[in-house]
Amino acid sequence: MAYRAFTRDEYEALANQHNIMVLVGNGFDIQVAHRYQSRFSPRYPSFYYYLASRDFDSSNLVVQQMAAAKETGRENWSDIESAIGHLLSPEGGWHSPEAVYEATVAVQTAFSEYLELVAPPGLLAQLGNDSANNSLAMTSMADLIGDVAARSPIFDSFTFPSETGHYDLYNFLFVNFNYTPLLDDYVFRDAQQFKPRAHTVADRNFTFRPNPTNHPRGSGNHETGWSSYVRSEVIHPHGQQAIPRSLLFGIDAPDGLDHGRDSRRKLMKPYWAMNQIEYGHLFPDTRLFIVFGCSLGESDGWWWRRVYSALNRQNDQGSPASELIIYWWTSDANPATRATVLDAFFAGVSATTGGVLQDRANVEPQIQVVVYTDQDPPVFLATP
């Protein structure tokens, strides 16, 4: 797949196309489960206790590793992918990739069953109705700049809003790292909140607001709305609930992976998802990256390295070709800062290389950090 370059054959007055890649992690599903007071959480600890309640095979290597990490008080003890990585390490006993893969497939099957409890039809219907009735999908895409203006300490360095205008196309690609269709349901452009052709004569179908919070140094003001176009698409690179055998659990793959010989390749998500072939070419053409609900962990390092590489590129005018917004949930008791979020991102970028990022200082001004809490949620992907 690739970004399709649209023309005036499809959109009559098209001026510019902005490709926006939104990478959404488990934090979104957790947010939904919390908001609707679901009995079952997509968090890994909840899944672990679900396995225990079922008397799941206690000899399973992955489950044994989770239990051992729990006993020793390790942070993120229930993280399935961390357990897989540990089992393949010297600290974990250098278990054979085949044995770990066999255990992972068994856990995959059980997790697929668990997801039916996490995202049942009733929850999907309720979330979809709320999105439609409150225009959540359209508001998320139209007003997201307001989150950055209100919460980012370096909003002045954010150049994307100034490049927008009338008749532009906002082309959203949602990369859903979750297995459930909760995000798909939320962002679907249903008939209540979206009309493919909203006007009698003009073919525009969207209003993008470059400064919805009326920031004094923003582009325009709170009344500014660009008559424009929007399209969106959702992909599941790690599999989806409706296809149980598609669920991917595993580790990251080095950029120089020997696809034919590395014995661990069956446990590498980029290998199974064929990331480089399917998605690698998208990054140079992405104007704006948005990361929401992701832990920025090592197992998804392939994605963070590509985002970082895109941030290092310049356009024909010598300006940065891409920018990044990181949405980061924090607790009131232990609030995160821009610095801690940046550290997490750059750690995810360099986790598999172990190298020092020489260009970090050059890239930081292109990263907007939006820290929020349950009591003070953002507009983007908010649940009512």
Protein backbone atom coordinates (compact mmCIF):
# COMPACT_ATOMS: atom_id res chain seq x y z
CA MET A 1 0.00 0.00 0.00
CA ALA A 2 1.00 3.63 -0.44
CA TYR A 3 -0.43 7.08 -0.03
CA ARG A 4 -2.50 7.76 -3.08
CA ALA A 5 -1.74 11.12 -4.65
CA PHE A 6 -5.12 12.69 -5.25
CA THR A 7 -5.80 15.19 -8.01
CA ARG A 8 -8.60 17.44 -9.17
CA ASP A 9 -10.06 14.45 -10.93
CA GLU A 10 -11.23 13.33 -7.48
CA TYR A 11 -11.50 16.68 -5.62
CA GLU A 12 -12.57 19.59 -7.79
CA ALA A 13 -10.67 22.41 -6.08
CA LEU A 14 -7.82 20.47 -4.46
CA ALA A 15 -4.92 22.72 -3.46
CA ASN A 16 -2.57 20.63 -1.25
CA GLN A 17 -2.60 17.13 0.21
CA HIS A 18 -1.45 16.59 3.81
CA ASN A 19 -0.67 12.97 4.67
CA ILE A 20 -1.16 12.36 8.40
CA MET A 21 -0.11 9.06 9.99
CA VAL A 22 -1.73 8.35 13.36
CA LEU A 23 -0.16 5.50 15.34
CA VAL A 24 -2.57 4.31 18.04
CA GLY A 25 -1.65 1.93 20.84
CA ASN A 26 -3.27 0.08 23.70
CA GLY A 27 -3.83 3.31 25.60
CA PHE A 28 -6.85 4.03 23.43
CA ASP A 29 -8.51 0.69 24.18
CA ILE A 30 -7.72 1.13 27.88
CA GLN A 31 -9.31 4.59 27.75
CA VAL A 32 -12.48 3.18 26.18
CA ALA A 33 -12.71 0.31 28.66
CA HIS A 34 -12.30 2.73 31.56
CA ARG A 35 -14.80 5.24 30.19
CA TYR A 36 -17.52 2.62 29.68
CA GLN A 37 -16.69 0.76 32.89
CA SER A 38 -16.07 -2.48 31.06
CA ARG A 39 -15.72 -5.60 33.20
CA PHE A 40 -12.68 -6.66 31.17
CA SER A 41 -9.62 -4.52 30.55
CA PRO A 42 -7.22 -4.81 27.60
CA ARG A 43 -4.33 -4.43 30.05
CA TYR A 44 -1.93 -7.37 30.18
CA PRO A 45 -2.32 -7.91 33.97
CA SER A 46 -6.04 -8.47 33.46
CA PHE A 47 -5.31 -11.01 30.75
CA TYR A 48 -2.83 -12.80 33.02
CA TYR A 49 -5.45 -13.18 35.75
CA TYR A 50 -7.94 -14.34 33.12
CA LEU A 51 -5.50 -17.11 32.19
CA ALA A 52 -5.13 -18.03 35.85
CA SER A 53 -8.91 -18.23 36.26
CA ARG A 54 -9.05 -20.64 33.32
CA ASP A 55 -6.30 -22.89 34.67
CA PHE A 56 -4.32 -22.17 31.52
CA ASP A 57 -1.34 -24.45 30.87
CA SER A 58 1.12 -23.56 33.64
CA SER A 59 4.01 -25.10 31.69
CA ASN A 60 3.66 -22.50 28.93
CA LEU A 61 7.03 -20.69 28.72
CA VAL A 62 5.54 -17.23 28.22
CA VAL A 63 3.16 -17.59 31.15
CA GLN A 64 5.95 -18.96 33.32
CA GLN A 65 8.10 -15.95 32.49
CA MET A 66 5.26 -13.56 33.34
CA ALA A 67 4.76 -15.34 36.67
CA ALA A 68 8.47 -15.21 37.48
CA ALA A 69 8.63 -11.51 36.66
CA LYS A 70 5.61 -10.91 38.87
CA GLU A 71 7.25 -12.73 41.78
CA THR A 72 10.39 -10.61 41.51
CA GLY A 73 8.42 -7.39 41.30
CA ARG A 74 9.55 -6.45 37.80
CA GLU A 75 7.90 -3.43 36.24
CA ASN A 76 5.62 -4.41 33.36
CA TRP A 77 5.82 -8.03 34.56
CA SER A 78 2.71 -8.94 32.55
CA ASP A 79 3.93 -7.59 29.21
CA ILE A 80 3.69 -10.57 26.86
CA GLU A 81 6.19 -9.19 24.36
CA SER A 82 8.68 -8.36 27.08
CA ALA A 83 8.35 -11.96 28.30
CA ILE A 84 9.04 -13.27 24.79
CA GLY A 85 12.12 -11.10 24.44
CA HIS A 86 13.40 -12.15 27.86
CA LEU A 87 13.04 -15.84 27.03
CA LEU A 88 15.28 -15.34 23.99
CA SER A 89 17.96 -13.54 26.00
CA PRO A 90 20.82 -14.94 28.07
CA GLU A 91 19.11 -13.68 31.23
CA GLY A 92 16.03 -15.69 30.26
CA GLY A 93 17.91 -18.89 29.53
CA TRP A 94 18.37 -18.67 25.75
CA HIS A 95 15.26 -20.74 25.05
CA SER A 96 15.00 -21.98 21.50
CA PRO A 97 12.95 -19.77 19.17
CA GLU A 98 10.82 -22.79 18.23
CA ALA A 99 9.86 -23.47 21.85
CA VAL A 100 9.07 -19.82 22.50
CA TYR A 101 7.06 -19.61 19.28
CA GLU A 102 4.99 -22.65 20.25
CA ALA A 103 4.21 -21.07 23.62
CA THR A 104 3.39 -17.74 21.96
CA VAL A 105 0.87 -19.33 19.58
CA ALA A 106 -0.96 -20.87 22.53
CA VAL A 107 -1.10 -17.48 24.28
CA GLN A 108 -2.25 -15.89 21.01
CA THR A 109 -5.23 -18.25 20.87
CA ALA A 110 -6.21 -17.49 24.46
CA PHE A 111 -5.81 -13.74 23.93
CA SER A 112 -8.10 -13.89 20.92
CA GLU A 113 -10.79 -15.44 23.11
CA TYR A 114 -10.20 -12.81 25.79
CA LEU A 115 -10.67 -9.98 23.28
CA GLU A 116 -14.23 -11.11 22.71
CA LEU A 117 -14.85 -10.11 26.34
CA VAL A 118 -12.90 -6.85 26.05
CA ALA A 119 -14.68 -5.59 22.93
CA PRO A 120 -18.12 -7.25 22.77
CA PRO A 121 -20.76 -6.09 20.26
CA GLY A 122 -22.54 -4.04 22.92
CA LEU A 123 -19.47 -1.93 23.66
CA LEU A 124 -18.80 -1.39 19.96
CA ALA A 125 -22.38 -0.25 19.44
CA GLN A 126 -22.23 2.15 22.38
CA LEU A 127 -18.91 3.65 21.30
CA GLY A 128 -20.10 3.99 17.70
CA ASN A 129 -23.32 5.71 18.76
CA ASP A 130 -21.42 8.17 20.95
CA SER A 131 -18.97 8.95 18.15
CA ALA A 132 -21.84 9.58 15.74
CA ASN A 133 -24.00 11.60 18.15
CA ASN A 134 -21.10 13.76 19.34
CA SER A 135 -19.18 13.98 16.03
CA LEU A 136 -16.13 12.58 17.81
CA ALA A 137 -14.33 11.39 14.69
CA MET A 138 -14.76 14.60 12.75
CA THR A 139 -13.95 16.82 15.72
CA SER A 140 -10.79 14.83 16.40
CA MET A 141 -9.54 15.40 12.89
CA ALA A 142 -10.74 19.01 12.60
CA ASP A 143 -9.66 20.45 15.96
CA LEU A 144 -6.50 18.54 16.90
CA ILE A 145 -4.33 21.66 16.60
CA GLY A 146 -6.11 23.03 19.66
CA ASP A 147 -4.60 20.29 21.82
CA VAL A 148 -1.09 21.32 20.80
CA ALA A 149 -1.78 25.03 21.21
CA ALA A 150 -3.19 24.54 24.71
CA ARG A 151 -0.63 22.04 26.05
CA SER A 152 2.66 22.17 24.19
CA PRO A 153 5.32 24.51 25.61
CA ILE A 154 6.92 24.83 22.17
CA PHE A 155 3.81 25.46 20.10
CA ASP A 156 5.59 28.38 18.41
CA SER A 157 7.84 25.89 16.58
CA PHE A 158 4.88 23.98 15.12
CA THR A 159 4.76 24.88 11.43
CA PHE A 160 2.09 22.49 10.16
CA PRO A 161 -0.92 24.77 10.92
CA SER A 162 0.61 27.63 8.91
CA GLU A 163 0.82 25.39 5.83
CA THR A 164 -2.90 24.62 5.79
CA GLY A 165 -5.53 26.51 3.86
CA HIS A 166 -8.73 26.39 1.88
CA TYR A 167 -9.26 23.41 -0.45
CA ASP A 168 -6.58 21.23 1.16
CA LEU A 169 -7.04 17.48 1.62
CA TYR A 170 -6.34 16.00 5.06
CA ASN A 171 -5.48 12.37 4.37
CA PHE A 172 -5.50 10.42 7.66
CA LEU A 173 -3.98 6.95 7.92
CA PHE A 174 -4.74 5.38 11.31
CA VAL A 175 -2.23 2.66 12.15
CA ASN A 176 -4.11 0.67 14.77
CA PHE A 177 -1.66 -1.40 16.81
CA ASN A 178 -4.61 -2.78 18.77
CA TYR A 179 -6.29 -6.01 17.76
CA THR A 180 -9.82 -4.82 18.56
CA PRO A 181 -11.98 -2.73 16.19
CA LEU A 182 -12.70 -0.10 18.87
CA LEU A 183 -10.66 2.58 17.11
CA ASP A 184 -12.11 1.60 13.72
CA ASP A 185 -15.60 2.06 15.17
CA TYR A 186 -14.68 5.41 16.72
CA VAL A 187 -13.14 7.04 13.61
CA PHE A 188 -15.64 5.70 11.09
CA ARG A 189 -17.13 8.58 9.09
CA ASP A 190 -20.79 7.70 9.50
CA ALA A 191 -23.73 9.49 7.91
CA GLN A 192 -24.54 11.45 11.07
CA GLN A 193 -21.24 13.32 11.24
CA PHE A 194 -19.98 13.20 7.66
CA LYS A 195 -21.37 13.82 4.20
CA PRO A 196 -19.22 12.91 1.19
CA ARG A 197 -20.63 16.00 -0.51
CA ALA A 198 -21.93 18.49 2.02
CA HIS A 199 -22.92 21.33 -0.35
CA THR A 200 -25.11 21.75 -3.38
CA VAL A 201 -22.40 23.10 -5.67
CA ALA A 202 -19.01 22.92 -3.92
CA ASP A 203 -17.61 19.45 -3.32
CA ARG A 204 -15.84 20.25 -0.02
CA ASN A 205 -16.74 17.92 2.85
CA PHE A 206 -14.65 19.07 5.81
CA THR A 207 -13.70 22.14 7.82
CA PHE A 208 -10.20 22.14 9.28
CA ARG A 209 -9.54 24.61 12.10
CA PRO A 210 -5.91 25.75 12.35
CA ASN A 211 -6.38 27.62 15.63
CA PRO A 212 -9.52 26.43 17.48
CA THR A 213 -8.30 27.67 20.88
CA ASN A 214 -7.50 31.17 19.60
CA HIS A 215 -3.80 30.99 20.46
CA PRO A 216 -2.30 34.49 20.08
CA ARG A 217 0.50 33.15 17.86
CA GLY A 218 -1.61 30.65 15.98
CA SER A 219 -2.67 30.66 12.35
CA GLY A 220 -5.88 32.67 12.16
CA ASN A 221 -8.20 32.60 15.16
CA HIS A 222 -10.93 30.45 16.69
CA GLU A 223 -13.32 31.45 13.89
CA THR A 224 -10.94 30.40 11.11
CA GLY A 225 -12.07 27.28 9.29
CA TRP A 226 -10.65 26.04 6.02
CA SER A 227 -13.20 24.74 3.53
CA SER A 228 -11.46 21.50 2.65
CA TYR A 229 -11.52 17.73 2.20
CA VAL A 230 -10.92 14.75 4.47
CA ARG A 231 -10.45 11.04 3.97
CA SER A 232 -9.37 8.38 6.43
CA GLU A 233 -8.31 4.76 6.50
CA VAL A 234 -7.52 2.29 9.30
CA ILE A 235 -4.96 -0.51 9.05
CA HIS A 236 -4.03 -3.27 11.53
CA PRO A 237 -0.36 -4.20 10.97
CA HIS A 238 -0.36 -6.55 13.99
CA GLY A 239 -3.58 -8.38 13.20
CA GLN A 240 -7.19 -8.00 14.22
CA GLN A 241 -9.68 -9.64 16.53
CA ALA A 242 -11.92 -10.90 13.73
CA ILE A 243 -9.06 -13.06 12.41
CA PRO A 244 -7.65 -14.81 15.51
CA ARG A 245 -4.64 -16.34 13.77
CA SER A 246 -3.57 -12.88 12.54
CA LEU A 247 -2.66 -11.62 16.03
CA LEU A 248 1.05 -10.87 16.29
CA PHE A 249 2.98 -11.04 19.54
CA GLY A 250 6.73 -10.78 19.44
CA ILE A 251 9.84 -8.67 19.38
CA ASP A 252 11.31 -6.02 17.14
CA ALA A 253 13.54 -6.88 14.20
CA PRO A 254 16.88 -5.23 13.50
CA ASP A 255 17.00 -3.19 10.33
CA GLY A 256 19.63 -5.56 8.93
CA LEU A 257 17.57 -8.69 9.61
CA ASP A 258 18.58 -11.76 7.61
CA HIS A 259 15.05 -12.80 6.68
CA GLY A 260 16.15 -16.20 5.45
CA ARG A 261 18.48 -17.31 8.22
CA ASP A 262 17.77 -15.57 11.54
CA SER A 263 16.32 -18.30 13.74
CA ARG A 264 14.27 -15.77 15.74
CA ARG A 265 12.46 -14.31 12.74
CA LYS A 266 9.24 -16.21 13.51
CA LEU A 267 8.96 -14.13 16.68
CA MET A 268 9.68 -10.77 15.01
CA LYS A 269 6.63 -8.65 14.27
CA PRO A 270 8.24 -6.66 11.41
CA TYR A 271 9.09 -9.98 9.73
CA TRP A 272 5.53 -11.36 9.80
CA ALA A 273 3.89 -8.03 8.99
CA MET A 274 6.44 -7.41 6.20
CA ASN A 275 6.76 -3.87 7.50
CA GLN A 276 9.41 -2.67 5.09
CA ILE A 277 7.48 -3.80 2.02
CA GLU A 278 4.01 -2.82 3.23
CA TYR A 279 4.69 0.42 5.10
CA GLY A 280 8.32 1.52 4.75
CA HIS A 281 7.67 3.81 1.79
CA LEU A 282 4.95 5.78 3.62
CA PHE A 283 7.23 7.61 6.02
CA PRO A 284 9.01 10.01 3.61
CA ASP A 285 5.60 11.18 2.34
CA THR A 286 4.08 11.77 5.79
CA ARG A 287 3.77 15.44 6.71
CA LEU A 288 2.49 14.93 10.24
CA PHE A 289 2.87 11.96 12.58
CA ILE A 290 0.59 11.57 15.60
CA VAL A 291 1.30 9.00 18.32
CA PHE A 292 -1.55 8.26 20.73
CA GLY A 293 -1.77 5.69 23.53
CA CYS A 294 1.60 4.07 22.74
CA SER A 295 4.18 3.14 25.35
CA LEU A 296 6.94 3.74 22.77
CA GLY A 297 8.43 0.41 23.77
CA GLU A 298 11.18 -1.60 22.15
CA SER A 299 8.92 -4.17 20.47
CA ASP A 300 7.60 -1.47 18.09
CA GLY A 301 11.02 0.09 17.55
CA TRP A 302 10.79 -0.41 13.78
CA TRP A 303 8.06 2.24 13.66
CA TRP A 304 9.82 4.72 15.97
CA ARG A 305 13.05 4.50 13.95
CA ARG A 306 11.16 5.32 10.74
CA VAL A 307 9.40 8.28 12.34
CA TYR A 308 12.75 9.53 13.63
CA SER A 309 14.31 9.16 10.18
CA ALA A 310 11.44 11.12 8.63
CA LEU A 311 11.90 13.91 11.18
CA ASN A 312 15.52 14.21 10.06
CA ARG A 313 14.52 14.86 6.45
CA GLN A 314 14.22 18.30 4.90
CA ASN A 315 11.98 19.50 2.10
CA ASP A 316 13.09 21.35 -1.03
CA GLN A 317 13.11 24.63 0.89
CA GLY A 318 15.47 23.27 3.51
CA SER A 319 12.81 23.08 6.23
CA PRO A 320 11.84 19.95 8.19
CA ALA A 321 9.65 17.74 6.01
CA SER A 322 7.75 16.14 8.91
CA GLU A 323 6.59 16.90 12.44
CA LEU A 324 5.35 14.73 15.29
CA ILE A 325 2.71 15.07 18.00
CA ILE A 326 2.95 12.66 20.95
CA TYR A 327 -0.14 12.35 23.12
CA TRP A 328 0.83 11.06 26.56
CA TRP A 329 -1.52 10.08 29.36
CA THR A 330 -0.26 10.80 32.87
CA SER A 331 -1.58 10.40 36.38
CA ASP A 332 -2.18 13.35 38.66
CA ALA A 333 -0.04 11.70 41.33
CA ASN A 334 3.03 11.31 39.12
CA PRO A 335 2.74 13.78 36.24
CA ALA A 336 4.91 13.30 33.17
CA THR A 337 6.84 16.14 31.57
CA ARG A 338 7.86 16.93 28.02
CA ALA A 339 11.40 15.82 28.90
CA THR A 340 10.34 12.39 30.18
CA VAL A 341 8.15 11.79 27.12
CA LEU A 342 10.98 12.74 24.77
CA ASP A 343 13.32 10.42 26.64
CA ALA A 344 10.82 7.57 26.19
CA PHE A 345 10.54 8.25 22.45
CA PHE A 346 14.27 8.42 21.84
CA ALA A 347 14.82 5.31 23.97
CA GLY A 348 12.35 3.49 21.74
CA VAL A 349 14.19 4.71 18.65
CA SER A 350 17.60 3.53 19.81
CA ALA A 351 16.60 0.42 21.81
CA THR A 352 17.74 -2.16 19.26
CA THR A 353 20.75 -0.20 18.01
CA GLY A 354 22.15 0.88 21.36
CA GLY A 355 23.60 3.90 19.62
CA VAL A 356 23.68 7.56 20.58
CA LEU A 357 21.32 9.71 18.53
CA GLN A 358 23.57 12.45 17.24
CA ASP A 359 20.70 14.44 15.73
CA ARG A 360 18.37 14.36 18.74
CA ALA A 361 18.81 18.07 19.49
CA ASN A 362 17.94 18.95 15.89
CA VAL A 363 14.79 16.82 15.94
CA GLU A 364 13.34 17.86 19.31
CA PRO A 365 11.86 21.18 18.04
CA GLN A 366 9.75 19.16 15.58
CA ILE A 367 8.10 17.14 18.36
CA GLN A 368 5.03 18.53 20.11
CA VAL A 369 4.12 16.77 23.38
CA VAL A 370 0.53 16.81 24.62
CA VAL A 371 0.35 15.57 28.22
CA TYR A 372 -3.14 14.92 29.57
CA THR A 373 -5.04 13.18 32.38
CA ASP A 374 -8.40 11.44 32.75
CA GLN A 375 -9.76 14.62 34.32
CA ASP A 376 -8.36 16.85 31.58
CA PRO A 377 -8.59 14.87 28.31
CA PRO A 378 -7.60 16.17 24.87
CA VAL A 379 -10.01 16.72 21.99
CA PHE A 380 -8.26 14.19 19.77
CA LEU A 381 -9.67 10.66 20.20
CA ALA A 382 -11.51 11.71 23.36
CA THR A 383 -14.31 9.55 24.70
CA PRO A 384 -17.35 11.44 26.03
